[in-house]
Amino acid sequence: MKHSYIYNKVKHGWAWSMALLFCLTVLAGCDAEDLISTRFPCSFYFNPKLHPGTSIETALLNPGCYTFISVKNLGVWHIYSTLNDGRNITEDIKITTDRTEGWDNRIKTHPLGANNGIIIGCSNFQGHVAWDRQCPNCITQYGGTNYPLELNGIRQSVMCKKCKRTYSLETGAITEGAKGEALMRYGISYDGLGCPVSVGN
């Protein structure tokens, strides 16, 4: 009887250990790549070494700073960058090196997320982040891709005028408004001052 009791205790403990091991294995498989949105293609490349002192690097070098980016080809590529510094000034960066100086010195863009707009910057706790500029919940609910997120006076968040949700630029999570999806996140690579910036999925 005593041996049966001990056997059942060991068997029960082993079952719990296996269940815990399974859960930890599943959680370990959920890394940062699982958070990258593939809903819309996104590809952006910029070499700050050829364009020093831009608002793009300002956003990437300063925690809590972000910039809205869009691109347009007007014979040469133009990158439009608007910092979240409250001044609402859009910098026009002309990429004149894209045809003459090889791959490392040119812009590689398009598509740029859901509707030619991303937000990149340096969060206080997660390092560099890149978000789509469109509201994911309005895209899902109403269709189309024209629901741009705007700064709402708080440097660390953006708001959708359509659904009135507010999103944190630190985490992408909804901080005010109806429940729903977080911001669409893209991968970002940047190693410091003068290094190339690459955003994509």
C-alpha atoms as a PDB file:
ATOM      1  CA  MET A   1       0.000   0.000   0.000  1.00  0.00           C
ATOM      2  CA  LYS A   2       2.814   2.381   0.940  1.00  0.00           C
ATOM      3  CA  HIS A   3       4.715   1.560  -2.281  1.00  0.00           C
ATOM      4  CA  SER A   4       1.574   2.225  -4.332  1.00  0.00           C
ATOM      5  CA  TYR A   5       1.189   5.647  -2.705  1.00  0.00           C
ATOM      6  CA  ILE A   6       4.819   6.576  -3.452  1.00  0.00           C
ATOM      7  CA  TYR A   7       4.478   5.289  -7.032  1.00  0.00           C
ATOM      8  CA  ASN A   8       1.382   7.450  -7.621  1.00  0.00           C
ATOM      9  CA  LYS A   9       3.135  10.527  -6.165  1.00  0.00           C
ATOM     10  CA  VAL A  10       6.158  10.034  -8.427  1.00  0.00           C
ATOM     11  CA  LYS A  11       3.925   9.388 -11.443  1.00  0.00           C
ATOM     12  CA  HIS A  12       1.883  12.541 -10.695  1.00  0.00           C
ATOM     13  CA  GLY A  13       5.053  14.635 -10.217  1.00  0.00           C
ATOM     14  CA  TRP A  14       6.517  13.316 -13.480  1.00  0.00           C
ATOM     15  CA  ALA A  15       3.327  14.227 -15.384  1.00  0.00           C
ATOM     16  CA  TRP A  16       3.453  17.774 -14.000  1.00  0.00           C
ATOM     17  CA  SER A  17       7.135  18.069 -14.916  1.00  0.00           C
ATOM     18  CA  MET A  18       6.435  17.001 -18.506  1.00  0.00           C
ATOM     19  CA  ALA A  19       3.524  19.442 -18.796  1.00  0.00           C
ATOM     20  CA  LEU A  20       5.708  22.275 -17.485  1.00  0.00           C
ATOM     21  CA  LEU A  21       8.531  21.348 -19.862  1.00  0.00           C
ATOM     22  CA  PHE A  22       6.094  21.358 -22.796  1.00  0.00           C
ATOM     23  CA  CYS A  23       4.773  24.811 -21.858  1.00  0.00           C
ATOM     24  CA  LEU A  24       8.286  26.233 -21.528  1.00  0.00           C
ATOM     25  CA  THR A  25       9.251  24.789 -24.917  1.00  0.00           C
ATOM     26  CA  VAL A  26       6.222  26.394 -26.573  1.00  0.00           C
ATOM     27  CA  LEU A  27       6.931  29.753 -24.928  1.00  0.00           C
ATOM     28  CA  ALA A  28      10.602  29.622 -25.899  1.00  0.00           C
ATOM     29  CA  GLY A  29       9.550  29.225 -29.524  1.00  0.00           C
ATOM     30  CA  CYS A  30       7.689  32.552 -29.408  1.00  0.00           C
ATOM     31  CA  ASP A  31      10.530  34.963 -30.120  1.00  0.00           C
ATOM     32  CA  ALA A  32      10.634  38.464 -31.582  1.00  0.00           C
ATOM     33  CA  GLU A  33      10.149  37.190 -35.136  1.00  0.00           C
ATOM     34  CA  ASP A  34       6.671  35.994 -34.183  1.00  0.00           C
ATOM     35  CA  LEU A  35       5.739  39.615 -33.478  1.00  0.00           C
ATOM     36  CA  ILE A  36       6.714  40.874 -36.955  1.00  0.00           C
ATOM     37  CA  SER A  37       3.677  41.633 -39.104  1.00  0.00           C
ATOM     38  CA  THR A  38       3.539  40.089 -42.568  1.00  0.00           C
ATOM     39  CA  ARG A  39       0.103  41.478 -43.350  1.00  0.00           C
ATOM     40  CA  PHE A  40       1.582  44.044 -45.779  1.00  0.00           C
ATOM     41  CA  PRO A  41       5.038  43.939 -47.384  1.00  0.00           C
ATOM     42  CA  CYS A  42       7.500  46.452 -45.977  1.00  0.00           C
ATOM     43  CA  SER A  43      11.016  47.276 -47.144  1.00  0.00           C
ATOM     44  CA  PHE A  44      13.027  50.380 -46.248  1.00  0.00           C
ATOM     45  CA  TYR A  45      16.775  51.015 -46.422  1.00  0.00           C
ATOM     46  CA  PHE A  46      18.655  54.243 -45.694  1.00  0.00           C
ATOM     47  CA  ASN A  47      22.366  54.999 -45.347  1.00  0.00           C
ATOM     48  CA  PRO A  48      22.842  57.900 -42.884  1.00  0.00           C
ATOM     49  CA  LYS A  49      26.569  58.062 -43.599  1.00  0.00           C
ATOM     50  CA  LEU A  50      25.719  59.754 -46.898  1.00  0.00           C
ATOM     51  CA  HIS A  51      23.073  61.982 -45.302  1.00  0.00           C
ATOM     52  CA  PRO A  52      24.360  62.920 -41.837  1.00  0.00           C
ATOM     53  CA  GLY A  53      22.303  64.805 -39.295  1.00  0.00           C
ATOM     54  CA  THR A  54      18.849  63.784 -40.505  1.00  0.00           C
ATOM     55  CA  SER A  55      15.751  63.505 -38.357  1.00  0.00           C
ATOM     56  CA  ILE A  56      15.835  59.746 -39.024  1.00  0.00           C
ATOM     57  CA  GLU A  57      19.009  59.363 -36.980  1.00  0.00           C
ATOM     58  CA  THR A  58      17.730  61.824 -34.389  1.00  0.00           C
ATOM     59  CA  ALA A  59      14.809  59.458 -33.782  1.00  0.00           C
ATOM     60  CA  LEU A  60      17.009  56.359 -33.647  1.00  0.00           C
ATOM     61  CA  LEU A  61      19.616  57.815 -31.302  1.00  0.00           C
ATOM     62  CA  ASN A  62      17.315  59.304 -28.659  1.00  0.00           C
ATOM     63  CA  PRO A  63      15.070  57.170 -26.421  1.00  0.00           C
ATOM     64  CA  GLY A  64      11.438  58.250 -26.627  1.00  0.00           C
ATOM     65  CA  CYS A  65      11.942  59.870 -30.026  1.00  0.00           C
ATOM     66  CA  TYR A  66      10.109  58.667 -33.153  1.00  0.00           C
ATOM     67  CA  THR A  67       9.688  59.804 -36.737  1.00  0.00           C
ATOM     68  CA  PHE A  68       6.979  59.256 -39.348  1.00  0.00           C
ATOM     69  CA  ILE A  69       8.467  58.162 -42.687  1.00  0.00           C
ATOM     70  CA  SER A  70       7.035  58.064 -46.195  1.00  0.00           C
ATOM     71  CA  VAL A  71       8.760  57.959 -49.591  1.00  0.00           C
ATOM     72  CA  LYS A  72       8.103  59.233 -53.084  1.00  0.00           C
ATOM     73  CA  ASN A  73       9.958  59.021 -56.385  1.00  0.00           C
ATOM     74  CA  LEU A  74      10.052  62.361 -58.210  1.00  0.00           C
ATOM     75  CA  GLY A  75      12.873  61.502 -60.597  1.00  0.00           C
ATOM     76  CA  VAL A  76      14.959  60.778 -57.505  1.00  0.00           C
ATOM     77  CA  TRP A  77      13.742  59.227 -54.286  1.00  0.00           C
ATOM     78  CA  HIS A  78      12.579  61.547 -51.525  1.00  0.00           C
ATOM     79  CA  ILE A  79      12.229  60.406 -47.932  1.00  0.00           C
ATOM     80  CA  TYR A  80       9.844  62.495 -45.855  1.00  0.00           C
ATOM     81  CA  SER A  81      10.537  62.359 -42.126  1.00  0.00           C
ATOM     82  CA  THR A  82       8.479  64.087 -39.407  1.00  0.00           C
ATOM     83  CA  LEU A  83       9.704  63.892 -35.812  1.00  0.00           C
ATOM     84  CA  ASN A  84       7.362  63.626 -32.834  1.00  0.00           C
ATOM     85  CA  ASP A  85       8.934  66.723 -31.294  1.00  0.00           C
ATOM     86  CA  GLY A  86       5.770  68.838 -31.470  1.00  0.00           C
ATOM     87  CA  ARG A  87       7.081  71.158 -34.206  1.00  0.00           C
ATOM     88  CA  ASN A  88       5.309  69.315 -37.063  1.00  0.00           C
ATOM     89  CA  ILE A  89       8.192  69.951 -39.484  1.00  0.00           C
ATOM     90  CA  THR A  90       8.662  67.444 -42.303  1.00  0.00           C
ATOM     91  CA  GLU A  91      12.227  66.992 -43.532  1.00  0.00           C
ATOM     92  CA  ASP A  92      12.655  66.236 -47.248  1.00  0.00           C
ATOM     93  CA  ILE A  93      15.714  64.023 -47.744  1.00  0.00           C
ATOM     94  CA  LYS A  94      16.647  63.731 -51.433  1.00  0.00           C
ATOM     95  CA  ILE A  95      18.449  60.489 -52.207  1.00  0.00           C
ATOM     96  CA  THR A  96      20.650  61.584 -55.103  1.00  0.00           C
ATOM     97  CA  THR A  97      23.123  58.730 -54.605  1.00  0.00           C
ATOM     98  CA  ASP A  98      20.718  55.919 -55.473  1.00  0.00           C
ATOM     99  CA  ARG A  99      21.788  55.535 -59.115  1.00  0.00           C
ATOM    100  CA  THR A 100      25.474  56.360 -58.982  1.00  0.00           C
ATOM    101  CA  GLU A 101      27.060  54.787 -55.932  1.00  0.00           C
ATOM    102  CA  GLY A 102      25.917  51.172 -55.826  1.00  0.00           C
ATOM    103  CA  TRP A 103      23.710  49.091 -53.551  1.00  0.00           C
ATOM    104  CA  ASP A 104      25.076  50.238 -50.194  1.00  0.00           C
ATOM    105  CA  ASN A 105      24.400  53.879 -50.970  1.00  0.00           C
ATOM    106  CA  ARG A 106      20.926  53.770 -52.370  1.00  0.00           C
ATOM    107  CA  ILE A 107      17.480  53.677 -50.959  1.00  0.00           C
ATOM    108  CA  LYS A 108      15.606  50.424 -51.306  1.00  0.00           C
ATOM    109  CA  THR A 109      11.952  51.027 -50.726  1.00  0.00           C
ATOM    110  CA  HIS A 110       8.453  50.217 -51.749  1.00  0.00           C
ATOM    111  CA  PRO A 111       6.258  48.897 -50.626  1.00  0.00           C
ATOM    112  CA  LEU A 112       6.391  50.712 -47.324  1.00  0.00           C
ATOM    113  CA  GLY A 113       3.752  48.895 -45.296  1.00  0.00           C
ATOM    114  CA  ALA A 114       0.009  49.223 -45.713  1.00  0.00           C
ATOM    115  CA  ASN A 115       0.017  52.692 -47.293  1.00  0.00           C
ATOM    116  CA  ASN A 116       3.507  54.174 -47.719  1.00  0.00           C
ATOM    117  CA  GLY A 117       4.072  55.008 -44.082  1.00  0.00           C
ATOM    118  CA  ILE A 118       6.073  53.688 -41.138  1.00  0.00           C
ATOM    119  CA  ILE A 119       7.005  55.041 -37.722  1.00  0.00           C
ATOM    120  CA  ILE A 120      10.496  54.278 -36.442  1.00  0.00           C
ATOM    121  CA  GLY A 121      12.342  55.299 -33.327  1.00  0.00           C
ATOM    122  CA  CYS A 122      14.062  54.355 -30.119  1.00  0.00           C
ATOM    123  CA  SER A 123      11.808  53.161 -27.327  1.00  0.00           C
ATOM    124  CA  ASN A 124      12.794  53.536 -23.694  1.00  0.00           C
ATOM    125  CA  PHE A 125      12.642  49.809 -22.905  1.00  0.00           C
ATOM    126  CA  GLN A 126      12.627  47.753 -26.143  1.00  0.00           C
ATOM    127  CA  GLY A 127      15.368  49.448 -28.169  1.00  0.00           C
ATOM    128  CA  HIS A 128      14.620  50.339 -31.776  1.00  0.00           C
ATOM    129  CA  VAL A 129      11.083  49.759 -33.043  1.00  0.00           C
ATOM    130  CA  ALA A 130       9.259  50.118 -36.358  1.00  0.00           C
ATOM    131  CA  TRP A 131       5.473  50.320 -36.706  1.00  0.00           C
ATOM    132  CA  ASP A 132       3.093  50.665 -39.635  1.00  0.00           C
ATOM    133  CA  ARG A 133       1.482  54.098 -39.740  1.00  0.00           C
ATOM    134  CA  GLN A 134      -2.017  52.768 -40.493  1.00  0.00           C
ATOM    135  CA  CYS A 135      -4.568  51.708 -37.872  1.00  0.00           C
ATOM    136  CA  PRO A 136      -4.753  47.891 -38.022  1.00  0.00           C
ATOM    137  CA  ASN A 137      -8.216  47.780 -36.466  1.00  0.00           C
ATOM    138  CA  CYS A 138      -9.816  50.124 -39.001  1.00  0.00           C
ATOM    139  CA  ILE A 139      -8.189  48.182 -41.844  1.00  0.00           C
ATOM    140  CA  THR A 140      -9.786  45.020 -40.458  1.00  0.00           C
ATOM    141  CA  GLN A 141     -13.177  46.574 -39.725  1.00  0.00           C
ATOM    142  CA  TYR A 142     -13.702  48.855 -42.717  1.00  0.00           C
ATOM    143  CA  GLY A 143     -11.342  47.575 -45.421  1.00  0.00           C
ATOM    144  CA  GLY A 144      -8.929  49.710 -47.402  1.00  0.00           C
ATOM    145  CA  THR A 145      -5.671  51.088 -46.058  1.00  0.00           C
ATOM    146  CA  ASN A 146      -6.214  54.799 -45.509  1.00  0.00           C
ATOM    147  CA  TYR A 147      -6.470  55.194 -41.722  1.00  0.00           C
ATOM    148  CA  PRO A 148      -3.295  57.115 -40.845  1.00  0.00           C
ATOM    149  CA  LEU A 149      -2.191  57.416 -37.251  1.00  0.00           C
ATOM    150  CA  GLU A 150      -1.448  60.928 -36.020  1.00  0.00           C
ATOM    151  CA  LEU A 151       0.411  62.341 -33.058  1.00  0.00           C
ATOM    152  CA  ASN A 152      -2.039  63.284 -30.327  1.00  0.00           C
ATOM    153  CA  GLY A 153       0.050  65.720 -28.315  1.00  0.00           C
ATOM    154  CA  ILE A 154       1.709  62.990 -26.274  1.00  0.00           C
ATOM    155  CA  ARG A 155       5.118  62.232 -27.786  1.00  0.00           C
ATOM    156  CA  GLN A 156       4.968  58.528 -26.985  1.00  0.00           C
ATOM    157  CA  SER A 157       1.612  57.716 -28.581  1.00  0.00           C
ATOM    158  CA  VAL A 158      -0.446  58.046 -31.752  1.00  0.00           C
ATOM    159  CA  MET A 159      -4.190  58.170 -32.372  1.00  0.00           C
ATOM    160  CA  CYS A 160      -6.522  57.029 -35.143  1.00  0.00           C
ATOM    161  CA  LYS A 161      -9.058  59.747 -35.978  1.00  0.00           C
ATOM    162  CA  LYS A 162     -11.500  57.159 -37.353  1.00  0.00           C
ATOM    163  CA  CYS A 163     -11.842  54.794 -34.371  1.00  0.00           C
ATOM    164  CA  LYS A 164     -10.344  57.087 -31.677  1.00  0.00           C
ATOM    165  CA  ARG A 165      -7.984  54.386 -30.424  1.00  0.00           C
ATOM    166  CA  THR A 166      -4.679  55.560 -28.976  1.00  0.00           C
ATOM    167  CA  TYR A 167      -1.603  53.360 -29.373  1.00  0.00           C
ATOM    168  CA  SER A 168       1.667  53.396 -27.441  1.00  0.00           C
ATOM    169  CA  LEU A 169       4.778  53.855 -29.581  1.00  0.00           C
ATOM    170  CA  GLU A 170       6.740  52.060 -26.855  1.00  0.00           C
ATOM    171  CA  THR A 171       4.853  48.765 -27.138  1.00  0.00           C
ATOM    172  CA  GLY A 172       2.325  49.136 -29.961  1.00  0.00           C
ATOM    173  CA  ALA A 173      -0.499  48.324 -27.533  1.00  0.00           C
ATOM    174  CA  ILE A 174      -3.827  50.146 -27.348  1.00  0.00           C
ATOM    175  CA  THR A 175      -3.801  52.545 -24.397  1.00  0.00           C
ATOM    176  CA  GLU A 176      -7.203  54.210 -24.933  1.00  0.00           C
ATOM    177  CA  GLY A 177     -10.342  53.226 -26.816  1.00  0.00           C
ATOM    178  CA  ALA A 178     -11.919  49.925 -27.782  1.00  0.00           C
ATOM    179  CA  LYS A 179     -10.014  46.670 -27.482  1.00  0.00           C
ATOM    180  CA  GLY A 180      -8.381  45.320 -30.609  1.00  0.00           C
ATOM    181  CA  GLU A 181      -5.116  44.552 -32.344  1.00  0.00           C
ATOM    182  CA  ALA A 182      -1.815  46.200 -31.484  1.00  0.00           C
ATOM    183  CA  LEU A 183       0.091  48.192 -34.097  1.00  0.00           C
ATOM    184  CA  MET A 184       1.601  46.237 -36.974  1.00  0.00           C
ATOM    185  CA  ARG A 185       5.289  45.816 -36.159  1.00  0.00           C
ATOM    186  CA  TYR A 186       8.221  45.451 -38.554  1.00  0.00           C
ATOM    187  CA  GLY A 187      11.766  44.311 -37.970  1.00  0.00           C
ATOM    188  CA  ILE A 188      14.402  47.032 -37.707  1.00  0.00           C
ATOM    189  CA  SER A 189      18.187  46.889 -37.872  1.00  0.00           C
ATOM    190  CA  TYR A 190      20.388  49.814 -36.826  1.00  0.00           C
ATOM    191  CA  ASP A 191      23.775  49.597 -35.100  1.00  0.00           C
ATOM    192  CA  GLY A 192      24.433  53.221 -34.244  1.00  0.00           C
ATOM    193  CA  LEU A 193      25.539  56.581 -35.621  1.00  0.00           C
ATOM    194  CA  GLY A 194      26.292  56.434 -39.355  1.00  0.00           C
ATOM    195  CA  CYS A 195      25.174  52.810 -39.730  1.00  0.00           C
ATOM    196  CA  PRO A 196      22.554  51.787 -42.309  1.00  0.00           C
ATOM    197  CA  VAL A 197      18.920  51.592 -41.241  1.00  0.00           C
ATOM    198  CA  SER A 198      16.918  48.643 -42.517  1.00  0.00           C
ATOM    199  CA  VAL A 199      13.220  48.026 -41.853  1.00  0.00           C
ATOM    200  CA  GLY A 200      11.207  45.128 -43.191  1.00  0.00           C
ATOM    201  CA  ASN A 201       9.409  41.848 -42.863  1.00  0.00           C
END
